[in-house]
Amino acid sequence: MDTPSSTSTPSSAGESGPGPLPEEEGGKNRKRAALATAPFLALGLADVVLILLQGLEPLWGFAILPPILFCSVLSWIVFSTDFLEDRT
């Protein structure tokens, strides 16, 4: 009866993940990836809106939209799969 239960908090520091959000074991961490990618996506979309509001041709705003979306999706994939975890 003196054995520790599975609901006790881990005592070693190596078991908790870095950062404010706990990491999922063996799965994708989609919430952490979305929180890391959202500011950059918001800045890119704000840039598109500013270009369109300044009176430039709408083609210029939509010309930079695909690279912004591509980089945002690529960064989301990297953060969600912990692609660089073994290299740090």
Protein backbone atom coordinates (compact mmCIF):
# COMPACT_ATOMS: atom_id res chain seq x y z
CA MET A 1 0.00 0.00 0.00
CA ASP A 2 3.02 2.30 0.16
CA THR A 3 3.58 2.20 -3.60
CA PRO A 4 3.10 5.52 -5.42
CA SER A 5 -0.05 5.86 -7.46
CA SER A 6 -0.09 6.68 -11.16
CA THR A 7 -1.84 9.99 -10.44
CA SER A 8 1.08 11.45 -8.50
CA THR A 9 3.06 14.27 -10.06
CA PRO A 10 6.34 13.35 -11.73
CA SER A 11 9.33 14.10 -9.55
CA SER A 12 11.99 14.27 -12.24
CA ALA A 13 12.44 17.41 -14.32
CA GLY A 14 13.06 15.43 -17.52
CA GLU A 15 9.49 14.24 -17.80
CA SER A 16 7.89 17.65 -18.21
CA GLY A 17 8.06 19.33 -21.61
CA PRO A 18 9.69 22.68 -22.29
CA GLY A 19 7.45 25.68 -22.52
CA PRO A 20 4.14 26.57 -20.97
CA LEU A 21 2.11 23.82 -22.66
CA PRO A 22 2.56 20.15 -21.77
CA GLU A 23 3.68 17.94 -24.61
CA GLU A 24 1.61 15.01 -25.74
CA GLU A 25 3.34 11.66 -25.53
CA GLY A 26 3.92 10.12 -28.95
CA GLY A 27 1.47 12.36 -30.79
CA LYS A 28 1.25 15.63 -32.59
CA ASN A 29 1.11 18.76 -30.50
CA ARG A 30 -1.32 20.72 -32.67
CA LYS A 31 -2.28 23.33 -30.08
CA ARG A 32 1.32 24.31 -29.41
CA ALA A 33 1.99 24.50 -33.15
CA ALA A 34 -1.04 26.70 -33.73
CA LEU A 35 -0.01 29.06 -30.92
CA ALA A 36 3.52 29.31 -32.32
CA THR A 37 2.41 29.88 -35.91
CA ALA A 38 -0.56 32.21 -35.35
CA PRO A 39 1.41 35.46 -34.79
CA PHE A 40 3.35 35.04 -38.03
CA LEU A 41 0.21 34.22 -39.98
CA ALA A 42 -1.50 37.27 -38.47
CA LEU A 43 1.41 39.51 -39.46
CA GLY A 44 1.35 38.18 -43.01
CA LEU A 45 -2.40 38.67 -43.38
CA ALA A 46 -2.12 42.16 -41.89
CA ASP A 47 0.52 42.93 -44.50
CA VAL A 48 -1.86 41.83 -47.26
CA VAL A 49 -4.63 44.00 -45.81
CA LEU A 50 -2.31 47.02 -45.61
CA ILE A 51 -1.26 46.56 -49.22
CA LEU A 52 -4.90 46.41 -50.32
CA LEU A 53 -5.88 49.43 -48.20
CA GLN A 54 -3.06 51.59 -49.57
CA GLY A 55 -4.64 51.51 -52.98
CA LEU A 56 -2.18 49.25 -54.74
CA GLU A 57 -3.58 46.87 -57.27
CA PRO A 58 -5.22 43.85 -55.62
CA LEU A 59 -2.99 41.57 -57.66
CA TRP A 60 0.00 42.57 -55.49
CA GLY A 61 -1.84 41.64 -52.32
CA PHE A 62 -2.85 38.27 -53.66
CA ALA A 63 0.61 37.68 -55.13
CA ILE A 64 2.18 37.62 -51.67
CA LEU A 65 -0.63 35.59 -50.09
CA PRO A 66 0.49 32.11 -51.30
CA PRO A 67 4.04 32.39 -49.87
CA ILE A 68 2.62 33.61 -46.56
CA LEU A 69 0.22 30.67 -46.36
CA PHE A 70 2.90 28.20 -47.49
CA CYS A 71 5.38 29.34 -44.84
CA SER A 72 2.68 29.28 -42.16
CA VAL A 73 1.64 25.72 -43.03
CA LEU A 74 5.27 24.61 -43.20
CA SER A 75 6.03 26.09 -39.78
CA TRP A 76 2.87 24.50 -38.34
CA ILE A 77 4.03 21.09 -39.61
CA VAL A 78 7.50 21.58 -38.10
CA PHE A 79 6.14 22.66 -34.71
CA SER A 80 3.44 19.99 -34.54
CA THR A 81 5.73 17.06 -35.34
CA ASP A 82 8.73 18.29 -33.30
CA PHE A 83 10.88 17.89 -36.41
CA LEU A 84 13.95 19.47 -34.78
CA GLU A 85 13.58 17.83 -31.36
CA ASP A 86 16.51 15.43 -31.78
CA ARG A 87 18.84 18.20 -33.02
CA THR A 88 18.67 20.50 -30.04
